[in-house]
């Protein structure tokens, strides 16, 4: 039952966000009773903290599987985006930064971890691509990585606003 509650919370965070998600929503989605909820988790905030940690770990693992793979950096970034079958819901992690709950350090910390990880790894892969291709860059790789990350997150926002997946393809 604990896993059902956790999975329901992860899904609801993506669909509704923290503020709009109620314990009743979690119970309804998971099929758990109120006693099960409080047996496994002290509060909605404690459950959410664990759910966010899980989401971040899953997304970092998925990112690493693709970014460490074969192909050009652009192809690997596109492949990472192609994993997101429900892009119109936005980024599972990026969506959470707009909830008021992330003012709480325990809930914000994993989000920071996620974006810092992606930024660091993109910078590393940019450096490798520059070295491999013998290119030069006028922009430091960490700044370029941050720009790419901001563009990706902006792409999710625009895709969601326009209900159009085309915004999410770098090659278009």
Protein backbone atom coordinates (compact mmCIF):
# COMPACT_ATOMS: atom_id res chain seq x y z
CA UNK A 1 0.00 0.00 0.00
CA UNK A 2 2.92 2.32 0.77
CA UNK A 3 4.16 2.06 -2.83
CA UNK A 4 0.64 2.74 -4.16
CA UNK A 5 0.41 5.90 -2.07
CA UNK A 6 3.84 7.04 -3.21
CA UNK A 7 3.12 6.36 -6.90
CA UNK A 8 -0.25 8.12 -6.67
CA UNK A 9 1.45 11.14 -5.13
CA UNK A 10 4.11 11.26 -7.85
CA UNK A 11 1.42 11.16 -10.51
CA UNK A 12 -0.70 13.82 -8.82
CA UNK A 13 2.28 16.12 -8.34
CA UNK A 14 2.77 16.09 -12.10
CA UNK A 15 -0.90 16.50 -12.93
CA UNK A 16 -1.99 18.95 -10.23
CA UNK A 17 1.04 20.11 -8.29
CA UNK A 18 1.49 20.18 -4.53
CA UNK A 19 -0.94 23.00 -3.74
CA UNK A 20 -3.90 21.48 -5.60
CA UNK A 21 -3.24 17.90 -4.48
CA UNK A 22 -5.21 16.90 -1.42
CA UNK A 23 -4.77 13.89 0.86
CA UNK A 24 -8.21 12.77 -0.39
CA UNK A 25 -6.90 12.83 -3.99
CA UNK A 26 -3.97 10.66 -2.90
CA UNK A 27 -6.24 8.19 -1.11
CA UNK A 28 -8.65 8.00 -4.05
CA UNK A 29 -5.87 7.47 -6.59
CA UNK A 30 -3.98 4.91 -4.49
CA UNK A 31 -6.98 3.01 -3.17
CA UNK A 32 -5.62 3.41 0.36
CA UNK A 33 -7.54 4.24 3.47
CA UNK A 34 -6.78 7.21 5.69
CA UNK A 35 -5.20 4.92 8.27
CA UNK A 36 -2.78 3.54 5.68
CA UNK A 37 -1.74 7.04 4.64
CA UNK A 38 -0.82 8.09 8.17
CA UNK A 39 0.65 4.70 9.01
CA UNK A 40 3.27 5.15 6.29
CA UNK A 41 3.70 8.95 6.19
CA UNK A 42 3.57 11.59 8.92
CA UNK A 43 2.00 14.21 6.69
CA UNK A 44 1.32 15.33 3.14
CA UNK A 45 4.62 17.25 3.26
CA UNK A 46 6.60 14.18 4.38
CA UNK A 47 5.01 12.07 1.64
CA UNK A 48 5.68 14.79 -0.93
CA UNK A 49 9.32 15.07 0.10
CA UNK A 50 9.79 11.35 -0.52
CA UNK A 51 7.85 11.48 -3.78
CA UNK A 52 9.97 14.37 -5.07
CA UNK A 53 13.18 12.53 -4.12
CA UNK A 54 11.93 9.51 -6.11
CA UNK A 55 10.97 11.62 -9.11
CA UNK A 56 14.36 13.35 -9.14
CA UNK A 57 16.24 10.05 -8.88
CA UNK A 58 14.17 8.55 -11.71
CA UNK A 59 14.68 11.56 -13.96
CA UNK A 60 18.43 11.75 -13.28
CA UNK A 61 18.75 8.02 -14.04
CA UNK A 62 16.82 8.48 -17.29
CA UNK A 63 18.92 11.51 -18.22
CA UNK A 64 22.16 9.64 -17.51
CA UNK A 65 21.09 6.64 -19.58
CA UNK A 66 20.63 8.88 -22.61
CA UNK A 67 23.34 11.52 -22.17
CA UNK A 68 25.99 8.83 -21.67
CA UNK A 69 24.91 7.03 -24.82
CA UNK A 70 25.97 7.21 -28.45
CA UNK A 71 25.40 9.98 -30.97
CA UNK A 72 26.00 13.70 -31.08
CA UNK A 73 25.14 15.82 -28.08
CA UNK A 74 22.17 17.22 -29.96
CA UNK A 75 20.93 13.71 -30.80
CA UNK A 76 21.24 12.66 -27.17
CA UNK A 77 19.35 15.73 -25.93
CA UNK A 78 16.63 15.01 -28.50
CA UNK A 79 16.53 11.39 -27.30
CA UNK A 80 16.10 12.59 -23.73
CA UNK A 81 13.17 14.76 -24.80
CA UNK A 82 11.65 11.91 -26.83
CA UNK A 83 11.32 9.92 -23.60
CA UNK A 84 8.70 12.34 -22.40
CA UNK A 85 5.57 10.88 -23.87
CA UNK A 86 3.42 13.36 -21.98
CA UNK A 87 5.40 16.54 -22.68
CA UNK A 88 2.24 18.64 -22.62
CA UNK A 89 2.08 18.07 -18.86
CA UNK A 90 5.46 19.77 -18.60
CA UNK A 91 8.65 18.56 -16.98
CA UNK A 92 7.98 16.35 -13.96
CA UNK A 93 10.58 18.27 -11.96
CA UNK A 94 10.35 21.73 -13.52
CA UNK A 95 6.62 21.87 -12.91
CA UNK A 96 7.17 21.64 -9.17
CA UNK A 97 9.28 24.79 -8.89
CA UNK A 98 6.14 26.90 -9.28
CA UNK A 99 4.35 25.41 -6.28
CA UNK A 100 4.42 27.48 -3.11
CA UNK A 101 5.51 24.39 -1.20
CA UNK A 102 9.01 24.58 -2.66
CA UNK A 103 9.68 27.53 -0.37
CA UNK A 104 10.31 24.72 2.10
CA UNK A 105 13.99 23.70 1.89
CA UNK A 106 13.22 19.97 2.24
CA UNK A 107 11.01 20.07 -0.84
CA UNK A 108 13.21 22.48 -2.82
CA UNK A 109 16.54 20.72 -2.22
CA UNK A 110 15.93 17.75 -4.57
CA UNK A 111 14.74 20.13 -7.31
CA UNK A 112 17.99 22.09 -7.02
CA UNK A 113 19.91 18.81 -7.09
CA UNK A 114 18.19 17.81 -10.33
CA UNK A 115 18.87 21.03 -12.20
CA UNK A 116 22.44 21.32 -10.94
CA UNK A 117 23.10 17.73 -12.01
CA UNK A 118 21.74 18.33 -15.50
CA UNK A 119 23.69 21.58 -15.82
CA UNK A 120 26.96 19.95 -14.68
CA UNK A 121 26.54 16.91 -16.93
CA UNK A 122 25.56 19.00 -19.95
CA UNK A 123 28.68 21.16 -19.42
CA UNK A 124 30.82 18.01 -19.26
CA UNK A 125 29.29 16.66 -22.45
CA UNK A 126 29.68 20.03 -24.20
CA UNK A 127 33.37 20.04 -23.26
CA UNK A 128 33.74 16.50 -24.65
CA UNK A 129 31.92 17.44 -27.86
CA UNK A 130 34.11 20.52 -28.32
CA UNK A 131 37.25 18.47 -27.78
CA UNK A 132 36.07 15.60 -30.03
CA UNK A 133 35.08 17.92 -32.87
CA UNK A 134 37.99 20.36 -32.42
CA UNK A 135 35.54 23.24 -32.01
CA UNK A 136 35.93 26.48 -30.14
CA UNK A 137 33.28 28.22 -28.12
CA UNK A 138 32.98 31.86 -27.19
CA UNK A 139 30.71 30.88 -24.32
CA UNK A 140 31.97 28.82 -21.36
CA UNK A 141 30.46 25.33 -21.31
CA UNK A 142 28.72 25.86 -17.94
CA UNK A 143 26.95 28.95 -19.31
CA UNK A 144 26.02 27.13 -22.50
CA UNK A 145 24.70 24.21 -20.43
CA UNK A 146 22.55 26.59 -18.40
CA UNK A 147 21.24 28.15 -21.61
CA UNK A 148 20.32 24.71 -23.00
CA UNK A 149 18.63 23.76 -19.74
CA UNK A 150 16.66 27.02 -19.70
CA UNK A 151 15.62 26.47 -23.33
CA UNK A 152 14.48 22.91 -22.55
CA UNK A 153 12.41 24.05 -19.59
CA UNK A 154 11.02 26.94 -21.64
CA UNK A 155 10.13 24.44 -24.37
CA UNK A 156 8.03 22.49 -21.89
CA UNK A 157 6.28 25.68 -20.84
CA UNK A 158 5.53 26.74 -24.41
CA UNK A 159 4.48 23.20 -25.40
CA UNK A 160 2.07 23.09 -22.52
CA UNK A 161 0.68 26.56 -23.23
CA UNK A 162 0.25 25.89 -26.97
CA UNK A 163 -0.66 22.20 -26.60
CA UNK A 164 1.93 21.50 -29.27
CA UNK A 165 4.74 18.91 -29.08
CA UNK A 166 6.65 20.57 -31.95
CA UNK A 167 8.13 23.09 -29.51
CA UNK A 168 9.96 20.24 -27.82
CA UNK A 169 12.05 19.15 -30.82
CA UNK A 170 15.46 20.80 -31.11
CA UNK A 171 15.80 19.64 -34.70
CA UNK A 172 12.69 21.43 -35.93
